[in-house]
């Protein structure tokens, strides 16, 4: 995620979801993870975190629409296999795998892993900065529960050692790296640099997986170029074919990229129509 203070003229306070407008269904994971049964209390907590995000951080679509309340990693086809590998390591007392949530935002996927039995000590989290991560502590009220999660904040879309680059020594070695809703915030060059850095961070036979917005045909995404708070002026949306080709070019093997359906139902025949994609690839 990119750190950019929002333009108050664009995201007015009226755009904030009032607590009574937050659907009960959106609170399912938050309720299950925290054990809090009072939905009104949870809605107020979500509203407060949204408000702090709006005032101090960049309001991405996933923030504006409260998508961050639902884990994404759990919907990836590889997720059951990942959980099984952690369970098998615990039973056999073998070297445990480690997983990094790259672009962790509020840490919802991190909490999903913990909720499903992955020890916090085997999880790492990273993002461009720690602003969203800190707000995640307020959202989930679990500072002690996630104390053992290692964190590393900085830019992964630049080479190691570059100014602002994430210092990853503390979170290696990594068996899995997951990136949910990350690739589509990059330009084409940033996306390639990010993939190369991911490959370096993985151990041999390690797996990179995630989801992102793409397009039926790869295209530069200039839809928000004139908004002061939109991050990079030009982003790049890959197609399933172009992302697979790029991952293989970078050095991943056994690459799979599949469409998970339209990001919206508009213009079904438009080649630039946005889609959700799930991807995975292995380091040789």
Protein backbone atom coordinates (compact mmCIF):
# COMPACT_ATOMS: atom_id res chain seq x y z
CA UNK A 1 0.00 0.00 0.00
CA UNK A 2 1.15 3.52 -0.71
CA UNK A 3 1.24 6.18 1.96
CA UNK A 4 -0.60 9.28 0.81
CA UNK A 5 -2.62 11.60 2.99
CA UNK A 6 -6.15 11.75 1.59
CA UNK A 7 -7.58 14.78 -0.11
CA UNK A 8 -10.50 15.83 2.14
CA UNK A 9 -12.26 17.44 -0.81
CA UNK A 10 -12.53 14.04 -2.47
CA UNK A 11 -13.28 11.73 0.45
CA UNK A 12 -15.69 13.81 2.49
CA UNK A 13 -16.74 12.69 5.93
CA UNK A 14 -20.16 11.98 4.44
CA UNK A 15 -18.56 9.05 2.60
CA UNK A 16 -17.77 7.33 5.89
CA UNK A 17 -19.96 4.29 6.55
CA UNK A 18 -22.17 5.11 9.50
CA UNK A 19 -22.12 2.30 12.09
CA UNK A 20 -25.73 1.32 11.43
CA UNK A 21 -24.98 1.02 7.70
CA UNK A 22 -22.31 -1.65 8.14
CA UNK A 23 -23.92 -4.99 7.16
CA UNK A 24 -23.96 -7.57 9.93
CA UNK A 25 -22.57 -10.14 7.49
CA UNK A 26 -19.42 -8.04 7.02
CA UNK A 27 -18.64 -8.49 10.71
CA UNK A 28 -18.60 -12.31 10.64
CA UNK A 29 -14.83 -12.72 10.83
CA UNK A 30 -14.30 -9.86 13.27
CA UNK A 31 -16.94 -11.37 15.55
CA UNK A 32 -15.48 -14.89 15.31
CA UNK A 33 -11.90 -13.77 15.88
CA UNK A 34 -12.52 -11.37 18.76
CA UNK A 35 -15.38 -13.23 20.43
CA UNK A 36 -17.28 -9.94 20.75
CA UNK A 37 -21.00 -10.66 20.38
CA UNK A 38 -22.23 -7.07 20.50
CA UNK A 39 -22.57 -6.12 16.83
CA UNK A 40 -23.15 -2.47 17.62
CA UNK A 41 -19.87 -2.35 19.53
CA UNK A 42 -18.09 -3.97 16.58
CA UNK A 43 -19.66 -1.52 14.14
CA UNK A 44 -18.51 1.40 16.25
CA UNK A 45 -15.00 -0.05 16.32
CA UNK A 46 -14.97 -0.44 12.54
CA UNK A 47 -16.26 3.10 12.10
CA UNK A 48 -13.53 4.52 14.35
CA UNK A 49 -10.80 2.67 12.43
CA UNK A 50 -12.27 3.84 9.11
CA UNK A 51 -12.31 7.42 10.38
CA UNK A 52 -8.69 7.26 11.54
CA UNK A 53 -7.70 5.77 8.19
CA UNK A 54 -9.46 8.55 6.34
CA UNK A 55 -7.86 11.27 8.43
CA UNK A 56 -4.30 9.95 8.44
CA UNK A 57 -3.78 7.42 5.64
CA UNK A 58 -4.74 6.68 2.03
CA UNK A 59 -8.30 5.50 1.48
CA UNK A 60 -8.10 2.67 -1.04
CA UNK A 61 -11.24 1.13 -2.47
CA UNK A 62 -10.87 -1.85 -0.13
CA UNK A 63 -10.89 0.61 2.77
CA UNK A 64 -13.74 2.73 1.42
CA UNK A 65 -15.92 -0.35 0.87
CA UNK A 66 -14.87 -2.17 4.08
CA UNK A 67 -13.47 -5.11 2.12
CA UNK A 68 -10.64 -5.29 4.66
CA UNK A 69 -13.06 -6.88 7.15
CA UNK A 70 -13.03 -10.17 5.26
CA UNK A 71 -9.91 -12.36 4.90
CA UNK A 72 -8.80 -12.89 1.32
CA UNK A 73 -6.19 -15.59 1.80
CA UNK A 74 -8.85 -18.05 2.96
CA UNK A 75 -10.49 -17.89 -0.48
CA UNK A 76 -7.32 -18.86 -2.35
CA UNK A 77 -7.39 -22.42 -3.78
CA UNK A 78 -4.05 -23.17 -2.11
CA UNK A 79 -5.14 -22.18 1.40
CA UNK A 80 -6.16 -25.67 2.61
CA UNK A 81 -2.77 -27.01 1.50
CA UNK A 82 -0.98 -24.24 3.39
CA UNK A 83 -2.87 -25.00 6.59
CA UNK A 84 -2.17 -28.70 6.18
CA UNK A 85 1.58 -28.07 5.91
CA UNK A 86 1.58 -26.19 9.22
CA UNK A 87 -0.46 -28.93 10.89
CA UNK A 88 1.84 -31.68 9.60
CA UNK A 89 4.92 -29.83 10.84
CA UNK A 90 3.39 -29.55 14.31
CA UNK A 91 2.58 -33.26 14.42
CA UNK A 92 5.98 -34.42 13.17
CA UNK A 93 8.09 -31.88 15.09
CA UNK A 94 9.80 -31.01 11.79
CA UNK A 95 11.05 -27.54 10.87
CA UNK A 96 7.93 -25.40 10.72
CA UNK A 97 7.06 -23.47 7.57
CA UNK A 98 6.87 -19.68 7.68
CA UNK A 99 4.46 -17.40 5.83
CA UNK A 100 4.66 -13.69 5.03
CA UNK A 101 1.61 -11.52 4.40
CA UNK A 102 3.06 -8.97 1.97
CA UNK A 103 0.94 -5.82 1.85
CA UNK A 104 -0.69 -6.80 5.12
CA UNK A 105 -2.71 -3.58 5.62
CA UNK A 106 -4.74 -4.02 8.82
CA UNK A 107 -3.57 -7.63 9.17
CA UNK A 108 -6.85 -9.40 8.50
CA UNK A 109 -5.18 -12.29 6.66
CA UNK A 110 -2.66 -12.61 9.49
CA UNK A 111 -5.54 -12.97 11.94
CA UNK A 112 -7.25 -15.51 9.68
CA UNK A 113 -4.13 -17.68 9.79
CA UNK A 114 -3.96 -17.42 13.58
CA UNK A 115 -7.69 -18.12 13.88
CA UNK A 116 -7.17 -21.28 11.81
CA UNK A 117 -4.39 -22.55 14.06
CA UNK A 118 -1.15 -21.24 12.56
CA UNK A 119 1.20 -20.16 15.39
CA UNK A 120 1.83 -16.42 15.40
CA UNK A 121 5.58 -17.09 15.65
CA UNK A 122 5.48 -18.65 12.17
CA UNK A 123 3.81 -15.63 10.57
CA UNK A 124 5.38 -12.41 9.32
CA UNK A 125 3.75 -9.24 8.00
CA UNK A 126 5.01 -6.41 5.83
CA UNK A 127 3.71 -3.28 4.16
CA UNK A 128 5.04 0.01 2.88
CA UNK A 129 4.55 1.52 6.35
CA UNK A 130 2.98 0.46 9.64
CA UNK A 131 0.00 2.83 9.70
CA UNK A 132 -2.66 0.29 8.76
CA UNK A 133 -1.02 -2.44 10.86
CA UNK A 134 -1.24 -0.26 13.97
CA UNK A 135 -4.91 0.46 13.31
CA UNK A 136 -5.40 -3.30 13.02
CA UNK A 137 -4.45 -3.54 16.69
CA UNK A 138 -7.39 -1.26 17.49
CA UNK A 139 -9.73 -3.11 15.16
CA UNK A 140 -8.98 -6.56 16.57
CA UNK A 141 -7.91 -5.57 20.11
CA UNK A 142 -5.30 -8.35 20.15
CA UNK A 143 -1.83 -6.88 20.68
CA UNK A 144 -0.82 -9.76 22.95
CA UNK A 145 -2.23 -12.42 20.64
CA UNK A 146 -0.15 -11.23 17.67
CA UNK A 147 2.92 -10.24 19.68
CA UNK A 148 5.00 -13.05 18.15
CA UNK A 149 4.24 -12.01 14.54
CA UNK A 150 7.40 -10.54 13.03
CA UNK A 151 7.01 -7.37 11.00
CA UNK A 152 9.12 -5.58 8.41
CA UNK A 153 7.95 -2.32 6.87
CA UNK A 154 9.33 -0.72 3.73
CA UNK A 155 9.13 -0.83 -0.05
CA UNK A 156 9.27 -4.25 -1.73
CA UNK A 157 8.92 -2.79 -5.21
CA UNK A 158 12.54 -1.60 -5.20
CA UNK A 159 15.76 -3.65 -5.06
CA UNK A 160 17.11 -4.78 -1.69
CA UNK A 161 19.36 -2.10 -0.23
CA UNK A 162 17.68 0.77 -2.06
CA UNK A 163 16.49 3.77 -0.06
CA UNK A 164 13.22 2.87 1.64
CA UNK A 165 13.56 -0.83 0.84
CA UNK A 166 12.13 -3.27 3.36
CA UNK A 167 14.73 -4.89 5.62
CA UNK A 168 13.71 -8.52 5.35
CA UNK A 169 16.49 -10.33 7.23
CA UNK A 170 14.33 -10.65 10.36
CA UNK A 171 11.51 -12.46 8.56
CA UNK A 172 13.46 -14.98 6.48
CA UNK A 173 13.43 -17.86 5.58
CA UNK A 174 9.97 -17.92 4.02
CA UNK A 175 8.08 -20.97 2.82
CA UNK A 176 5.09 -18.98 1.62
CA UNK A 177 4.53 -15.36 0.66
CA UNK A 178 0.95 -14.20 0.17
CA UNK A 179 -0.03 -10.92 -1.46
CA UNK A 180 -3.75 -10.16 -1.44
CA UNK A 181 -4.95 -7.19 -3.51
CA UNK A 182 -1.44 -5.83 -3.97
CA UNK A 183 -0.20 -6.26 -7.55
CA UNK A 184 -2.81 -3.94 -9.06
CA UNK A 185 -1.55 -0.92 -7.10
CA UNK A 186 1.76 -1.04 -9.02
CA UNK A 187 2.96 0.25 -12.36
CA UNK A 188 4.27 -2.41 -14.73
CA UNK A 189 7.87 -1.74 -13.64
CA UNK A 190 6.97 -1.80 -9.94
CA UNK A 191 5.12 -5.08 -10.35
CA UNK A 192 8.13 -6.73 -11.96
CA UNK A 193 10.46 -5.38 -9.27
CA UNK A 194 8.08 -6.63 -6.57
CA UNK A 195 7.97 -10.13 -8.07
CA UNK A 196 11.76 -10.27 -8.28
CA UNK A 197 12.06 -9.28 -4.62
CA UNK A 198 9.50 -11.89 -3.62
CA UNK A 199 11.44 -14.58 -5.46
CA UNK A 200 14.61 -13.65 -3.58
CA UNK A 201 12.85 -13.82 -0.22
CA UNK A 202 11.44 -17.30 -0.76
CA UNK A 203 13.37 -20.41 0.21
CA UNK A 204 13.88 -23.11 -2.43
CA UNK A 205 10.52 -24.65 -3.38
CA UNK A 206 8.78 -21.79 -1.58
CA UNK A 207 5.45 -20.62 -2.97
CA UNK A 208 4.14 -17.16 -3.84
CA UNK A 209 0.37 -16.85 -3.95
CA UNK A 210 -2.31 -14.23 -3.89
CA UNK A 211 -5.13 -12.38 -5.58
CA UNK A 212 -5.33 -9.11 -7.48
CA UNK A 213 -7.49 -7.11 -9.82
CA UNK A 214 -6.64 -7.70 -13.46
CA UNK A 215 -8.24 -7.18 -16.84
CA UNK A 216 -9.36 -9.40 -19.70
CA UNK A 217 -6.57 -7.71 -21.66
CA UNK A 218 -3.54 -6.23 -19.88
CA UNK A 219 -3.73 -2.45 -19.76
CA UNK A 220 -2.43 0.64 -18.03
CA UNK A 221 -4.98 1.80 -15.50
CA UNK A 222 -5.38 5.57 -15.64
CA UNK A 223 -8.86 5.84 -14.19
CA UNK A 224 -7.74 7.73 -11.08
CA UNK A 225 -4.82 9.65 -12.52
CA UNK A 226 -6.32 13.06 -11.78
CA UNK A 227 -7.20 12.40 -8.15
CA UNK A 228 -4.69 13.88 -5.75
CA UNK A 229 -4.94 10.95 -3.35
CA UNK A 230 -4.85 8.12 -5.86
CA UNK A 231 -1.23 7.04 -5.38
CA UNK A 232 0.70 6.41 -8.60
CA UNK A 233 -0.85 8.15 -11.61
CA UNK A 234 -0.48 5.03 -13.73
CA UNK A 235 -1.10 1.51 -12.50
CA UNK A 236 -0.96 -1.65 -14.55
CA UNK A 237 -3.61 -4.34 -14.72
CA UNK A 238 -2.33 -7.70 -15.90
CA UNK A 239 -4.40 -10.29 -17.69
CA UNK A 240 -4.16 -13.93 -16.63
CA UNK A 241 -1.88 -14.55 -19.61
CA UNK A 242 0.44 -11.58 -19.06
CA UNK A 243 0.83 -12.18 -15.31
CA UNK A 244 1.68 -15.83 -15.90
CA UNK A 245 4.26 -14.82 -18.51
CA UNK A 246 5.81 -12.22 -16.21
CA UNK A 247 6.05 -14.60 -13.25
CA UNK A 248 7.75 -17.19 -15.45
CA UNK A 249 10.09 -14.55 -16.90
CA UNK A 250 11.09 -13.49 -13.38
CA UNK A 251 11.91 -17.10 -12.48
CA UNK A 252 8.85 -18.74 -10.93
CA UNK A 253 7.88 -22.25 -12.04
CA UNK A 254 4.61 -24.17 -11.89
CA UNK A 255 2.81 -20.85 -12.34
CA UNK A 256 -0.98 -20.82 -12.32
CA UNK A 257 -3.14 -17.73 -12.86
CA UNK A 258 -6.90 -17.99 -13.09
CA UNK A 259 -9.84 -15.63 -13.26
CA UNK A 260 -12.18 -15.64 -10.29
CA UNK A 261 -14.83 -13.65 -12.10
CA UNK A 262 -15.57 -9.99 -12.84
CA UNK A 263 -14.61 -7.25 -10.42
CA UNK A 264 -17.89 -5.65 -11.45
CA UNK A 265 -20.71 -6.55 -13.84
CA UNK A 266 -20.32 -3.56 -16.16
CA UNK A 267 -19.41 -3.88 -19.85
CA UNK A 268 -19.06 -7.69 -20.01
CA UNK A 269 -17.56 -7.59 -23.51
CA UNK A 270 -15.07 -4.80 -22.82
CA UNK A 271 -11.50 -6.21 -23.15
CA UNK A 272 -10.45 -3.79 -20.41
CA UNK A 273 -13.10 -5.11 -18.05
CA UNK A 274 -11.67 -5.68 -14.59
CA UNK A 275 -11.54 -9.19 -13.15
CA UNK A 276 -10.32 -10.78 -9.95
CA UNK A 277 -7.40 -13.16 -10.43
CA UNK A 278 -5.83 -15.80 -8.21
CA UNK A 279 -2.20 -16.74 -8.82
CA UNK A 280 0.52 -19.00 -7.50
CA UNK A 281 4.08 -19.89 -8.46
CA UNK A 282 7.03 -21.77 -6.99
CA UNK A 283 10.67 -20.84 -6.55
CA UNK A 284 12.86 -23.54 -8.15
